[in-house]
Amino acid sequence: MNIIYFWCFVNSLSAGFFSLLHIIVIVKNEVQVVERRKRIWYNY
């Protein structure tokens, strides 16, 4: 029974970790887009 609880805990942990990773990737992409727009804005 303890093993099942442990697996549930591990699965929830990994799911939270991957969702956090996903959020980080999205934020990085947004930052890159903003930087690119700034560059275009300053160039013209």
Protein backbone atom coordinates (compact mmCIF):
# COMPACT_ATOMS: atom_id res chain seq x y z
CA MET A 1 0.00 0.00 0.00
CA ASN A 2 2.84 2.37 0.83
CA ILE A 3 4.34 1.76 -2.61
CA ILE A 4 1.13 2.93 -4.29
CA TYR A 5 1.11 6.11 -2.21
CA PHE A 6 4.78 6.62 -3.07
CA TRP A 7 4.08 6.23 -6.78
CA CYS A 8 1.20 8.72 -6.58
CA PHE A 9 3.52 11.16 -4.83
CA VAL A 10 6.26 10.68 -7.46
CA ASN A 11 3.77 11.08 -10.32
CA SER A 12 2.34 14.30 -8.88
CA LEU A 13 5.87 15.59 -8.30
CA SER A 14 6.98 14.85 -11.86
CA ALA A 15 3.75 16.34 -13.25
CA GLY A 16 4.34 19.54 -11.27
CA PHE A 17 7.96 19.62 -12.43
CA PHE A 18 7.02 19.23 -16.09
CA SER A 19 4.31 21.90 -15.85
CA LEU A 20 6.88 24.23 -14.28
CA LEU A 21 9.30 23.43 -17.11
CA HIS A 22 6.54 24.17 -19.64
CA ILE A 23 5.85 27.54 -18.00
CA ILE A 24 9.58 28.38 -18.05
CA VAL A 25 9.78 27.54 -21.76
CA ILE A 26 6.74 29.73 -22.52
CA VAL A 27 8.20 32.64 -20.54
CA LYS A 28 11.53 32.29 -22.36
CA ASN A 29 9.77 32.37 -25.72
CA GLU A 30 7.80 35.46 -24.69
CA VAL A 31 11.02 37.19 -23.60
CA GLN A 32 12.67 36.34 -26.92
CA VAL A 33 9.70 37.79 -28.83
CA VAL A 34 9.84 40.99 -26.76
CA GLU A 35 13.60 41.30 -27.33
CA ARG A 36 13.12 40.85 -31.06
CA ARG A 37 10.41 43.53 -31.13
CA LYS A 38 12.68 45.89 -29.18
CA ARG A 39 15.47 45.29 -31.67
CA ILE A 40 13.15 45.98 -34.62
CA TRP A 41 11.82 49.09 -32.84
CA TYR A 42 15.32 50.47 -32.21
CA ASN A 43 16.59 49.62 -35.69
CA TYR A 44 13.89 51.60 -37.48
